[in-house]
Protein backbone atom coordinates (compact mmCIF):
# COMPACT_ATOMS: atom_id res chain seq x y z
CA UNK A 1 1.29 27.17 -38.06
CA UNK A 2 3.26 24.83 -35.80
CA UNK A 3 2.83 21.08 -35.49
CA UNK A 4 1.07 20.31 -32.20
CA UNK A 5 1.04 16.56 -32.60
CA UNK A 6 4.60 15.52 -33.37
CA UNK A 7 5.96 13.46 -30.43
CA UNK A 8 8.46 15.31 -28.30
CA UNK A 9 10.73 12.28 -28.12
CA UNK A 10 11.46 12.87 -31.81
CA UNK A 11 12.35 16.47 -31.07
CA UNK A 12 14.66 16.39 -28.06
CA UNK A 13 16.26 19.58 -29.34
CA UNK A 14 13.00 21.37 -28.58
CA UNK A 15 12.78 20.29 -24.95
CA UNK A 16 15.11 23.05 -23.81
CA UNK A 17 13.00 25.60 -25.69
CA UNK A 18 9.86 24.21 -24.07
CA UNK A 19 11.40 24.42 -20.60
CA UNK A 20 12.48 27.99 -21.34
CA UNK A 21 8.81 28.98 -21.60
CA UNK A 22 8.27 27.96 -17.97
CA UNK A 23 11.41 29.83 -16.95
CA UNK A 24 10.09 32.98 -18.61
CA UNK A 25 6.68 32.59 -16.95
CA UNK A 26 8.27 32.05 -13.54
CA UNK A 27 9.95 35.45 -13.83
CA UNK A 28 6.48 36.95 -13.47
CA UNK A 29 4.31 37.30 -10.35
CA UNK A 30 3.38 33.76 -9.38
CA UNK A 31 0.08 31.93 -9.23
CA UNK A 32 -0.13 32.23 -5.46
CA UNK A 33 -0.75 35.97 -5.87
CA UNK A 34 -3.25 36.38 -8.73
CA UNK A 35 -4.47 39.87 -9.56
CA UNK A 36 -8.27 40.38 -9.51
CA UNK A 37 -8.39 41.96 -12.96
CA UNK A 38 -9.30 41.05 -16.53
CA UNK A 39 -8.27 44.05 -18.62
CA UNK A 40 -4.57 43.18 -19.08
CA UNK A 41 -5.37 39.68 -20.36
CA UNK A 42 -8.14 41.10 -22.54
CA UNK A 43 -5.70 43.67 -23.94
CA UNK A 44 -3.14 41.00 -24.93
CA UNK A 45 -5.77 38.88 -26.61
CA UNK A 46 -7.13 41.92 -28.44
CA UNK A 47 -3.65 42.55 -29.84
CA UNK A 48 -3.47 38.88 -30.85
CA UNK A 49 -6.77 39.10 -32.73
CA UNK A 50 -8.93 37.52 -30.00
CA UNK A 51 -7.96 33.87 -30.56
CA UNK A 52 -10.34 32.80 -27.77
CA UNK A 53 -13.30 33.65 -30.00
CA UNK A 54 -12.30 31.22 -32.75
CA UNK A 55 -13.65 28.11 -30.98
CA UNK A 56 -16.46 27.37 -28.51
CA UNK A 57 -15.56 26.90 -24.85
CA UNK A 58 -16.73 24.79 -21.93
CA UNK A 59 -15.65 26.74 -18.82
CA UNK A 60 -15.22 24.81 -15.56
CA UNK A 61 -14.88 26.12 -12.01
CA UNK A 62 -15.43 24.81 -8.47
CA UNK A 63 -13.37 23.90 -5.43
CA UNK A 64 -12.72 20.18 -5.95
CA UNK A 65 -12.92 17.98 -9.02
CA UNK A 66 -12.32 20.70 -11.63
CA UNK A 67 -9.38 19.01 -13.30
CA UNK A 68 -10.89 15.51 -13.36
CA UNK A 69 -14.21 16.83 -14.68
CA UNK A 70 -12.37 18.82 -17.35
CA UNK A 71 -10.36 15.80 -18.44
CA UNK A 72 -13.40 13.52 -18.61
CA UNK A 73 -15.41 16.06 -20.63
CA UNK A 74 -12.50 16.58 -23.04
CA UNK A 75 -12.12 12.82 -23.50
CA UNK A 76 -15.80 12.40 -24.41
CA UNK A 77 -15.63 15.26 -26.90
CA UNK A 78 -12.54 13.74 -28.47
CA UNK A 79 -14.30 10.39 -28.80
CA UNK A 80 -16.84 12.25 -30.94
CA UNK A 81 -14.05 13.11 -33.37
CA UNK A 82 -13.68 16.71 -32.30
CA UNK A 83 -10.19 18.21 -32.10
CA UNK A 84 -9.97 19.40 -28.54
CA UNK A 85 -8.03 21.87 -26.45
CA UNK A 86 -7.75 21.43 -22.69
CA UNK A 87 -6.35 23.93 -20.21
CA UNK A 88 -5.87 22.78 -16.62
CA UNK A 89 -3.68 23.87 -13.73
CA UNK A 90 -1.33 23.46 -12.07
CA UNK A 91 1.00 21.01 -13.80
CA UNK A 92 2.49 18.00 -12.04
CA UNK A 93 5.84 17.62 -13.80
CA UNK A 94 6.02 19.83 -16.93
CA UNK A 95 4.24 22.98 -18.07
CA UNK A 96 3.10 21.24 -21.29
CA UNK A 97 0.53 19.29 -19.23
CA UNK A 98 -1.51 22.47 -18.82
CA UNK A 99 -2.11 22.94 -22.54
CA UNK A 100 -3.38 19.72 -24.10
CA UNK A 101 -4.11 19.45 -27.82
CA UNK A 102 -6.25 16.54 -28.99
CA UNK A 103 -5.50 14.49 -25.88
CA UNK A 104 -1.73 15.03 -25.67
CA UNK A 105 0.33 17.66 -23.83
CA UNK A 106 1.39 20.29 -26.33
CA UNK A 107 4.66 19.50 -28.10
CA UNK A 108 7.67 21.54 -27.02
CA UNK A 109 8.10 22.88 -30.54
CA UNK A 110 4.53 24.20 -30.68
CA UNK A 111 4.76 25.58 -27.14
CA UNK A 112 7.98 27.44 -27.87
CA UNK A 113 6.76 28.72 -31.25
CA UNK A 114 3.53 30.09 -29.83
CA UNK A 115 5.41 31.68 -26.94
CA UNK A 116 7.73 33.39 -29.37
CA UNK A 117 4.71 34.65 -31.32
CA UNK A 118 2.96 36.22 -28.32
CA UNK A 119 6.00 37.54 -26.40
CA UNK A 120 6.17 40.92 -28.22
CA UNK A 121 2.52 41.54 -27.33
CA UNK A 122 3.06 40.52 -23.71
CA UNK A 123 5.95 42.99 -23.53
CA UNK A 124 3.80 45.71 -25.09
CA UNK A 125 1.09 45.25 -22.46
CA UNK A 126 3.71 45.02 -19.69
CA UNK A 127 5.01 48.42 -20.78
CA UNK A 128 1.51 49.89 -20.83
CA UNK A 129 0.77 48.57 -17.34
CA UNK A 130 4.05 49.87 -15.89
CA UNK A 131 3.47 53.29 -17.47
CA UNK A 132 0.07 53.39 -15.80
CA UNK A 133 1.61 52.53 -12.41
CA UNK A 134 0.32 48.96 -12.43
CA UNK A 135 2.10 45.59 -12.24
CA UNK A 136 3.10 43.68 -15.39
CA UNK A 137 1.19 40.62 -16.52
CA UNK A 138 1.29 37.78 -14.01
CA UNK A 139 2.31 34.16 -14.61
CA UNK A 140 -1.29 33.05 -15.03
CA UNK A 141 -2.37 36.01 -17.17
CA UNK A 142 0.48 35.32 -19.61
CA UNK A 143 -0.22 31.58 -19.50
CA UNK A 144 -3.90 32.14 -20.30
CA UNK A 145 -3.00 34.21 -23.35
CA UNK A 146 -0.56 31.50 -24.40
CA UNK A 147 -3.14 28.71 -24.05
CA UNK A 148 -5.79 30.54 -26.05
CA UNK A 149 -3.23 31.29 -28.77
CA UNK A 150 -2.11 27.64 -28.86
CA UNK A 151 -5.70 26.45 -29.25
CA UNK A 152 -6.28 28.83 -32.16
CA UNK A 153 -3.00 27.76 -33.75
CA UNK A 154 -3.79 24.03 -33.50
CA UNK A 155 -6.64 24.71 -34.43
CA UNK A 156 -9.20 23.11 -32.09
CA UNK A 157 -12.93 22.53 -32.55
CA UNK A 158 -13.69 23.09 -28.86
CA UNK A 159 -11.72 24.05 -25.75
CA UNK A 160 -12.34 22.86 -22.20
CA UNK A 161 -10.93 25.52 -19.90
CA UNK A 162 -10.43 25.13 -16.15
CA UNK A 163 -10.52 28.30 -14.08
CA UNK A 164 -7.31 29.07 -12.22
CA UNK A 165 -8.88 30.59 -9.10
CA UNK A 166 -12.38 31.83 -8.42
CA UNK A 167 -14.12 32.82 -11.62
CA UNK A 168 -15.30 36.40 -11.99
CA UNK A 169 -11.83 37.96 -12.14
CA UNK A 170 -9.85 34.88 -13.19
CA UNK A 171 -7.97 35.64 -16.40
CA UNK A 172 -9.65 32.73 -18.21
CA UNK A 173 -12.91 34.66 -17.85
CA UNK A 174 -12.00 36.92 -20.77
CA UNK A 175 -13.45 34.07 -22.85
CA UNK A 176 -17.17 33.41 -23.16
CA UNK A 177 -18.09 29.85 -22.30
CA UNK A 178 -21.13 28.40 -24.02
CA UNK A 179 -21.35 25.99 -21.07
CA UNK A 180 -20.47 27.01 -17.51
CA UNK A 181 -19.73 24.06 -15.23
CA UNK A 182 -19.57 24.07 -11.43
CA UNK A 183 -17.98 21.22 -9.51
CA UNK A 184 -18.57 21.04 -5.72
CA UNK A 185 -17.91 24.41 -4.07
CA UNK A 186 -16.45 24.46 -0.56
CA UNK A 187 -14.24 26.71 1.56
CA UNK A 188 -10.83 27.31 -0.05
CA UNK A 189 -8.69 30.36 -0.85
CA UNK A 190 -10.83 32.29 1.66
CA UNK A 191 -8.38 35.19 1.78
CA UNK A 192 -9.12 35.86 -1.89
CA UNK A 193 -12.57 34.46 -2.65
CA UNK A 194 -14.59 35.12 0.51
CA UNK A 195 -15.11 33.71 3.99
CA UNK A 196 -18.37 31.84 3.28
CA UNK A 197 -19.38 29.36 0.61
CA UNK A 198 -22.03 31.81 -0.60
CA UNK A 199 -19.39 34.52 -1.18
CA UNK A 200 -17.12 32.02 -2.94
CA UNK A 201 -20.01 30.84 -5.11
CA UNK A 202 -20.82 34.44 -6.03
CA UNK A 203 -17.25 34.92 -7.27
CA UNK A 204 -17.24 31.64 -9.17
CA UNK A 205 -20.63 32.41 -10.73
CA UNK A 206 -18.90 35.22 -12.62
CA UNK A 207 -18.04 32.76 -15.40
CA UNK A 208 -21.73 32.54 -16.40
CA UNK A 209 -22.29 34.47 -19.61
CA UNK A 210 -25.64 35.56 -21.13
CA UNK A 211 -27.79 32.68 -22.37
CA UNK A 212 -25.24 30.07 -21.35
CA UNK A 213 -25.96 26.50 -20.33
CA UNK A 214 -25.12 25.94 -16.65
CA UNK A 215 -24.30 22.49 -15.25
CA UNK A 216 -23.72 22.15 -11.51
CA UNK A 217 -22.74 19.33 -9.20
CA UNK A 218 -24.78 18.91 -6.05
CA UNK A 219 -24.21 21.99 -3.90
CA UNK A 220 -25.20 23.29 -0.48
CA UNK A 221 -28.39 25.35 -0.45
CA UNK A 222 -26.57 28.69 -0.12
CA UNK A 223 -24.27 27.89 -3.05
CA UNK A 224 -27.16 26.73 -5.24
CA UNK A 225 -29.08 29.91 -4.44
CA UNK A 226 -26.17 32.03 -5.69
CA UNK A 227 -25.86 30.01 -8.89
CA UNK A 228 -29.59 30.16 -9.56
CA UNK A 229 -29.56 33.91 -9.00
CA UNK A 230 -26.74 34.28 -11.53
CA UNK A 231 -28.65 32.05 -13.96
CA UNK A 232 -31.70 34.31 -13.74
CA UNK A 233 -29.66 37.47 -14.24
CA UNK A 234 -28.00 36.06 -17.35
CA UNK A 235 -31.11 34.29 -18.65
CA UNK A 236 -29.18 31.03 -18.64
CA UNK A 237 -30.42 27.44 -18.41
CA UNK A 238 -29.59 25.88 -15.01
CA UNK A 239 -29.16 22.10 -14.67
CA UNK A 240 -28.35 20.79 -11.20
CA UNK A 241 -27.23 17.34 -10.10
CA UNK A 242 -30.04 15.51 -8.34
CA UNK A 243 -32.68 17.33 -10.32
CA UNK A 244 -31.71 17.48 -13.99
CA UNK A 245 -29.17 14.63 -13.84
CA UNK A 246 -27.62 12.27 -11.29
CA UNK A 247 -25.26 9.42 -10.61
CA UNK A 248 -27.48 6.35 -10.27
CA UNK A 249 -24.93 3.70 -9.37
CA UNK A 250 -21.24 3.01 -8.97
CA UNK A 251 -19.84 -0.51 -8.74
CA UNK A 252 -16.23 -1.45 -8.10
CA UNK A 253 -14.51 -3.01 -11.12
CA UNK A 254 -10.96 -4.04 -11.93
CA UNK A 255 -9.02 -0.86 -12.59
CA UNK A 256 -11.87 1.48 -11.72
CA UNK A 257 -15.65 1.30 -11.59
CA UNK A 258 -18.84 0.75 -13.56
CA UNK A 259 -21.12 3.77 -13.40
CA UNK A 260 -24.72 4.42 -14.35
CA UNK A 261 -25.80 8.00 -14.93
CA UNK A 262 -29.13 9.67 -15.62
CA UNK A 263 -28.09 12.44 -17.94
CA UNK A 264 -29.97 15.45 -19.19
CA UNK A 265 -31.25 13.55 -22.22
CA UNK A 266 -31.15 9.88 -21.27
CA UNK A 267 -29.75 7.17 -19.03
CA UNK A 268 -26.37 5.52 -19.54
CA UNK A 269 -25.84 2.22 -17.73
CA UNK A 270 -22.78 0.27 -16.59
CA UNK A 271 -20.09 2.29 -18.35
CA UNK A 272 -16.49 1.68 -17.31
CA UNK A 273 -14.61 4.58 -15.74
CA UNK A 274 -10.90 3.90 -15.09
CA UNK A 275 -10.81 6.03 -11.92
CA UNK A 276 -11.35 5.25 -8.26
CA UNK A 277 -13.82 6.84 -5.86
CA UNK A 278 -17.48 7.81 -5.86
CA UNK A 279 -16.35 11.42 -6.18
CA UNK A 280 -14.87 10.55 -9.59
CA UNK A 281 -18.15 8.90 -10.63
CA UNK A 282 -19.91 12.13 -9.67
CA UNK A 283 -17.34 14.14 -11.64
CA UNK A 284 -18.12 11.91 -14.62
CA UNK A 285 -21.86 12.57 -14.22
CA UNK A 286 -21.20 16.32 -14.29
CA UNK A 287 -18.93 15.92 -17.33
CA UNK A 288 -21.59 13.91 -19.17
CA UNK A 289 -24.22 16.59 -18.49
CA UNK A 290 -21.77 19.27 -19.66
CA UNK A 291 -21.12 17.45 -22.95
CA UNK A 292 -24.85 16.87 -23.44
CA UNK A 293 -25.38 20.60 -22.95
CA UNK A 294 -22.67 21.41 -25.47
CA UNK A 295 -23.48 18.91 -28.22
CA UNK A 296 -27.26 18.93 -28.19
CA UNK A 297 -28.43 21.64 -25.79
CA UNK A 298 -29.24 18.88 -23.31
CA UNK A 299 -31.91 17.35 -25.54
CA UNK A 300 -30.04 14.58 -27.38
CA UNK A 301 -28.67 11.41 -25.81
CA UNK A 302 -24.98 10.82 -26.27
CA UNK A 303 -24.05 7.92 -28.55
CA UNK A 304 -23.45 4.96 -26.26
CA UNK A 305 -20.31 3.62 -27.94
CA UNK A 306 -18.73 7.07 -28.13
CA UNK A 307 -19.52 7.84 -24.48
CA UNK A 308 -18.08 4.48 -23.45
CA UNK A 309 -14.91 5.20 -25.44
CA UNK A 310 -14.63 8.68 -23.96
CA UNK A 311 -14.92 7.48 -20.39
CA UNK A 312 -12.69 4.43 -20.90
CA UNK A 313 -9.87 6.56 -22.28
CA UNK A 314 -10.18 9.35 -19.71
CA UNK A 315 -7.40 9.70 -17.20
CA UNK A 316 -6.77 11.94 -14.28
CA UNK A 317 -3.09 11.96 -13.46
CA UNK A 318 -2.35 12.72 -9.84
CA UNK A 319 -5.81 11.68 -8.66
CA UNK A 320 -5.51 8.37 -6.82
CA UNK A 321 -2.84 7.43 -9.34
CA UNK A 322 -0.82 4.25 -8.87
CA UNK A 323 2.87 5.15 -9.25
CA UNK A 324 4.49 2.18 -7.51
CA UNK A 325 3.99 -1.52 -6.87
CA UNK A 326 5.68 -3.84 -4.36
CA UNK A 327 4.94 -1.84 -2.27
CA UNK A 328 1.87 -0.01 -3.53
CA UNK A 329 2.38 3.75 -3.78
CA UNK A 330 -0.60 5.99 -4.61
CA UNK A 331 -0.53 9.75 -5.14
CA UNK A 332 -3.53 12.04 -4.80
CA UNK A 333 -3.84 15.79 -5.25
CA UNK A 334 -6.12 16.34 -2.24
CA UNK A 335 -5.13 19.76 -0.87
CA UNK A 336 -8.11 20.73 1.27
CA UNK A 337 -10.29 18.90 3.83
CA UNK A 338 -13.05 18.15 1.29
CA UNK A 339 -10.58 16.51 -1.08
CA UNK A 340 -8.83 14.63 1.74
CA UNK A 341 -12.13 13.19 2.95
CA UNK A 342 -12.94 12.01 -0.60
CA UNK A 343 -9.49 10.38 -0.78
CA UNK A 344 -10.03 8.50 2.49
CA UNK A 345 -13.46 7.27 1.35
CA UNK A 346 -12.11 6.10 -2.00
CA UNK A 347 -9.11 4.25 -0.53
CA UNK A 348 -11.39 2.50 1.96
CA UNK A 349 -13.87 1.46 -0.73
CA UNK A 350 -11.56 0.48 -3.57
CA UNK A 351 -8.50 -0.96 -1.84
CA UNK A 352 -7.91 -3.50 0.90
CA UNK A 353 -4.90 -2.29 2.86
CA UNK A 354 -4.28 -3.14 6.51
CA UNK A 355 -1.93 -0.22 7.16
CA UNK A 356 -1.14 2.98 5.30
CA UNK A 357 1.77 5.39 5.51
CA UNK A 358 0.79 8.90 4.48
CA UNK A 359 3.58 11.04 3.02
CA UNK A 360 2.30 14.55 3.63
CA UNK A 361 3.25 18.03 2.46
CA UNK A 362 0.94 21.06 2.57
CA UNK A 363 1.16 24.64 1.31
CA UNK A 364 0.92 27.62 3.63
CA UNK A 365 -2.40 28.94 2.33
CA UNK A 366 -4.21 25.66 2.97
CA UNK A 367 -6.15 24.32 5.97
CA UNK A 368 -3.45 21.95 7.19
CA UNK A 369 -5.29 21.00 10.39
CA UNK A 370 -8.43 20.18 8.41
CA UNK A 371 -6.44 18.04 5.96
CA UNK A 372 -4.65 16.17 8.75
CA UNK A 373 -7.90 15.53 10.61
CA UNK A 374 -9.55 14.18 7.46
CA UNK A 375 -6.59 11.88 6.69
CA UNK A 376 -6.10 10.61 10.26
CA UNK A 377 -8.64 7.73 10.09
CA UNK A 378 -6.73 6.26 7.14
CA UNK A 379 -3.17 6.83 8.32
CA UNK A 380 -1.20 4.36 10.40
CA UNK A 381 1.67 6.84 10.43
CA UNK A 382 2.61 10.15 8.81
CA UNK A 383 5.88 10.87 7.05
CA UNK A 384 5.91 14.65 6.99
CA UNK A 385 7.95 16.45 4.36
CA UNK A 386 7.71 19.44 2.04
CA UNK A 387 7.89 20.11 -1.68
CA UNK A 388 10.32 22.59 -3.20
CA UNK A 389 7.56 25.18 -3.51
CA UNK A 390 8.30 28.45 -1.75
CA UNK A 391 4.75 28.18 -0.35
CA UNK A 392 5.36 24.83 1.37
CA UNK A 393 4.84 24.69 5.13
CA UNK A 394 8.18 23.94 6.80
CA UNK A 395 8.57 20.30 7.82
CA UNK A 396 8.82 20.93 11.56
CA UNK A 397 5.86 23.30 11.61
CA UNK A 398 3.64 20.83 9.75
CA UNK A 399 4.94 17.84 11.73
CA UNK A 400 4.14 19.62 15.00
CA UNK A 401 0.53 19.96 13.84
CA UNK A 402 0.40 16.30 12.79
CA UNK A 403 1.87 15.17 16.13
CA UNK A 404 -0.57 17.30 18.08
CA UNK A 405 -3.57 15.96 16.18
CA UNK A 406 -2.54 12.30 15.73
CA UNK A 407 0.33 11.45 18.09
CA UNK A 408 4.06 12.10 18.22
CA UNK A 409 4.99 8.40 18.08
CA UNK A 410 3.49 7.99 14.59
CA UNK A 411 4.85 11.24 13.15
CA UNK A 412 8.16 11.21 11.27
CA UNK A 413 10.01 14.20 9.83
CA UNK A 414 11.96 14.33 6.57
CA UNK A 415 13.35 17.45 4.96
CA UNK A 416 13.61 15.78 1.56
CA UNK A 417 10.71 14.14 -0.26
CA UNK A 418 12.88 11.42 -1.80
CA UNK A 419 14.06 10.45 1.68
CA UNK A 420 10.49 10.44 3.03
CA UNK A 421 9.36 8.21 0.17
CA UNK A 422 12.26 5.79 0.64
CA UNK A 423 11.61 5.39 4.36
CA UNK A 424 7.86 5.05 3.86
CA UNK A 425 8.34 2.41 1.13
CA UNK A 426 10.81 0.49 3.32
CA UNK A 427 8.19 0.40 6.09
CA UNK A 428 5.45 -0.67 3.68
CA UNK A 429 7.66 -3.46 2.28
CA UNK A 430 8.09 -5.08 5.69
CA UNK A 431 4.56 -6.51 5.91
CA UNK A 432 2.00 -7.55 3.27
CA UNK A 433 -1.04 -5.31 2.66
CA UNK A 434 0.74 -2.11 3.57
CA UNK A 435 0.73 0.88 1.24
CA UNK A 436 2.02 4.43 0.85
CA UNK A 437 -0.26 7.36 -0.03
CA UNK A 438 1.32 10.69 -1.00
CA UNK A 439 -0.95 13.71 -0.64
CA UNK A 440 -1.49 17.23 0.72
CA UNK A 441 -0.39 19.40 -2.20
CA UNK A 442 -0.18 19.18 -5.96
CA UNK A 443 3.44 20.31 -5.95
CA UNK A 444 4.34 17.44 -3.60
CA UNK A 445 2.73 14.75 -5.72
CA UNK A 446 4.29 16.18 -8.87
CA UNK A 447 7.69 15.67 -7.28
CA UNK A 448 6.66 12.21 -6.04
CA UNK A 449 5.62 11.19 -9.56
CA UNK A 450 8.99 12.33 -10.90
CA UNK A 451 10.82 10.28 -8.22
CA UNK A 452 8.68 7.21 -8.95
CA UNK A 453 9.31 7.43 -12.68
CA UNK A 454 13.04 7.94 -12.28
CA UNK A 455 13.28 4.80 -10.12
CA UNK A 456 10.78 2.78 -12.19
CA UNK A 457 8.60 1.84 -9.23
CA UNK A 458 5.95 0.34 -11.53
CA UNK A 459 8.34 -2.43 -12.63
CA UNK A 460 8.05 -5.67 -10.71
């Protein structure tokens, strides 16, 4: 068994081995082209002895808020003294962020050791698939097997697992979640999940297993109908926001907000959440209901001090995260219109800026026009750029859309993100109460975070 907790800074020799895991995964079919299949992942895990059955699972899907909800739920569980596993995607800077053990990204040594352990079985299944005329395991299928193996190796008491895409055929769905959680469902990935929210909900509802506990954020009527139908078919208990639980209040506080939540088993008042935006307060309400469902079948109130500790220590990197001061630079992972609208609302409610420069980069499979339109009320000007992702919309193509929708005179083009950030920060430094917001794609903000850290923008 490998040590999952030893700090990586004490094991610099292992960093190269940890990075090599990502290199090996990148040699496979990427996450932008997932295969709608479960059998290959199931086959690998069968060969590994089904590690995903050695701990209970809270399974989380939705369109927006999945990662934040997952992180908040994991933090509450950890406050209870449980050893936790957390799988989220994608990563911002390093692959280790996707596999979290007891609140910390998995150590390079443990990551590399577990990868070495499972590689022969991945290769065995690859060979079987090729012999049958099928494609080898994809990036995400191999990553899912790796995460489940790492959790068993740790070992963890409970795993919080975020779906990669959809639900029914997502490779994480080889595991049986005792609690199935649904964050707000909207239009996204339509080419793979369906052209209506009802179709998308039907796909996502595939994570519901027999006799599970279901916790859902407030949904449109067509989405809720699909989830209720799936609940009936699986004889599962359905708890919806607004009916079984709800966010009662959210008040701005230094460094975040004070929230009051009516949970499944009781009311929790004025608890500090170190995140900005009403959408994060709603994510916390869903996370609380999910933990109530897991720990006491929704019938026992959470211990106040432990809940307060869990929320106070929760973080959601890349979600309205402050990465620079003087001038203020915020990054946010909004990558669809729904997320962009939540970002605009949160910035308007929690900050007091006169002018904002938006550094924007969007991926090709996203609704760029919808994102731009949602961001326009907040943006004084747009600095358009692109991440190094092969899926990034080319700068000129995206900038043309921005100029058409918001005006050519406030649209600026930069082929390099570091250059875009420098120019935007120079502009923001000229006048008090200006800020920079980086958004549009998770790959873009990951690169922005790396630039900010390398230049120590948080130092006065």
